Amino acid sequence: MDAFTTGLLQRIKAAESHLTQARETGDDFLADVEQEELEDLRRLAAEHGVEIGAATA
């Protein structure tokens, strides 16, 4: 796995974690920000053929 793929998967995993934390603490603004970040990262992964299943496992 190259550095781009590794970094992207790490960022997706971090965004998922931050989104969960924001939702659990009731921080709606942060949850919205993290949701947008996650959508951007998933779009980037799709554009570059990176399978993201490994990031969420």
C-alpha atoms as a PDB file:
ATOM      1  CA  MET A   1       0.000   0.000   0.000  1.00  0.00           C
ATOM      2  CA  ASP A   2       1.448   3.377  -0.942  1.00  0.00           C
ATOM      3  CA  ALA A   3       1.750   6.403   1.320  1.00  0.00           C
ATOM      4  CA  PHE A   4      -1.199   8.192  -0.292  1.00  0.00           C
ATOM      5  CA  THR A   5      -3.551   5.263   0.315  1.00  0.00           C
ATOM      6  CA  THR A   6      -2.293   4.709   3.848  1.00  0.00           C
ATOM      7  CA  GLY A   7      -2.662   8.384   4.724  1.00  0.00           C
ATOM      8  CA  LEU A   8      -6.111   8.621   3.192  1.00  0.00           C
ATOM      9  CA  LEU A   9      -7.359   5.559   5.069  1.00  0.00           C
ATOM     10  CA  GLN A  10      -5.939   6.946   8.315  1.00  0.00           C
ATOM     11  CA  ARG A  11      -7.699  10.266   7.735  1.00  0.00           C
ATOM     12  CA  ILE A  12     -10.991   8.481   7.020  1.00  0.00           C
ATOM     13  CA  LYS A  13     -10.686   6.423  10.196  1.00  0.00           C
ATOM     14  CA  ALA A  14      -9.905   9.561  12.229  1.00  0.00           C
ATOM     15  CA  ALA A  15     -12.837  11.455  10.711  1.00  0.00           C
ATOM     16  CA  GLU A  16     -15.178   8.570  11.516  1.00  0.00           C
ATOM     17  CA  SER A  17     -13.942   8.548  15.105  1.00  0.00           C
ATOM     18  CA  HIS A  18     -14.292  12.324  15.452  1.00  0.00           C
ATOM     19  CA  LEU A  19     -17.785  12.182  13.972  1.00  0.00           C
ATOM     20  CA  THR A  20     -18.826   9.535  16.480  1.00  0.00           C
ATOM     21  CA  GLN A  21     -17.396  11.578  19.362  1.00  0.00           C
ATOM     22  CA  ALA A  22     -19.141  14.738  18.185  1.00  0.00           C
ATOM     23  CA  ARG A  23     -22.468  12.932  17.956  1.00  0.00           C
ATOM     24  CA  GLU A  24     -22.014  11.330  21.375  1.00  0.00           C
ATOM     25  CA  THR A  25     -21.277  14.690  23.002  1.00  0.00           C
ATOM     26  CA  GLY A  26     -24.141  16.421  21.201  1.00  0.00           C
ATOM     27  CA  ASP A  27     -21.893  18.846  19.312  1.00  0.00           C
ATOM     28  CA  ASP A  28     -24.043  19.314  16.219  1.00  0.00           C
ATOM     29  CA  PHE A  29     -21.737  21.853  14.582  1.00  0.00           C
ATOM     30  CA  LEU A  30     -18.672  19.632  14.927  1.00  0.00           C
ATOM     31  CA  ALA A  31     -20.688  16.640  13.739  1.00  0.00           C
ATOM     32  CA  ASP A  32     -21.637  18.572  10.593  1.00  0.00           C
ATOM     33  CA  VAL A  33     -18.007  19.565  10.002  1.00  0.00           C
ATOM     34  CA  GLU A  34     -16.776  15.998  10.475  1.00  0.00           C
ATOM     35  CA  GLN A  35     -19.546  14.606   8.246  1.00  0.00           C
ATOM     36  CA  GLU A  36     -18.495  16.966   5.443  1.00  0.00           C
ATOM     37  CA  GLU A  37     -14.834  16.016   5.943  1.00  0.00           C
ATOM     38  CA  LEU A  38     -15.723  12.339   5.789  1.00  0.00           C
ATOM     39  CA  GLU A  39     -17.752  12.818   2.598  1.00  0.00           C
ATOM     40  CA  ASP A  40     -14.845  14.704   0.993  1.00  0.00           C
ATOM     41  CA  LEU A  41     -12.382  11.979   1.959  1.00  0.00           C
ATOM     42  CA  ARG A  42     -14.672   9.230   0.653  1.00  0.00           C
ATOM     43  CA  ARG A  43     -15.079  11.123  -2.625  1.00  0.00           C
ATOM     44  CA  LEU A  44     -11.302  11.488  -2.899  1.00  0.00           C
ATOM     45  CA  ALA A  45     -10.879   7.777  -2.246  1.00  0.00           C
ATOM     46  CA  ALA A  46     -13.407   6.904  -4.936  1.00  0.00           C
ATOM     47  CA  GLU A  47     -11.700   9.214  -7.444  1.00  0.00           C
ATOM     48  CA  HIS A  48      -8.403   7.412  -6.860  1.00  0.00           C
ATOM     49  CA  GLY A  49      -9.747   3.870  -6.677  1.00  0.00           C
ATOM     50  CA  VAL A  50      -9.033   3.448  -2.978  1.00  0.00           C
ATOM     51  CA  GLU A  51     -11.290   0.903  -1.290  1.00  0.00           C
ATOM     52  CA  ILE A  52     -12.349   2.297   2.069  1.00  0.00           C
ATOM     53  CA  GLY A  53     -13.718  -0.871   3.633  1.00  0.00           C
ATOM     54  CA  ALA A  54     -10.382  -1.373   5.383  1.00  0.00           C
ATOM     55  CA  ALA A  55     -10.642   2.034   7.058  1.00  0.00           C
ATOM     56  CA  THR A  56     -13.881   1.234   8.797  1.00  0.00           C
ATOM     57  CA  ALA A  57     -12.938  -2.251   9.941  1.00  0.00           C
END
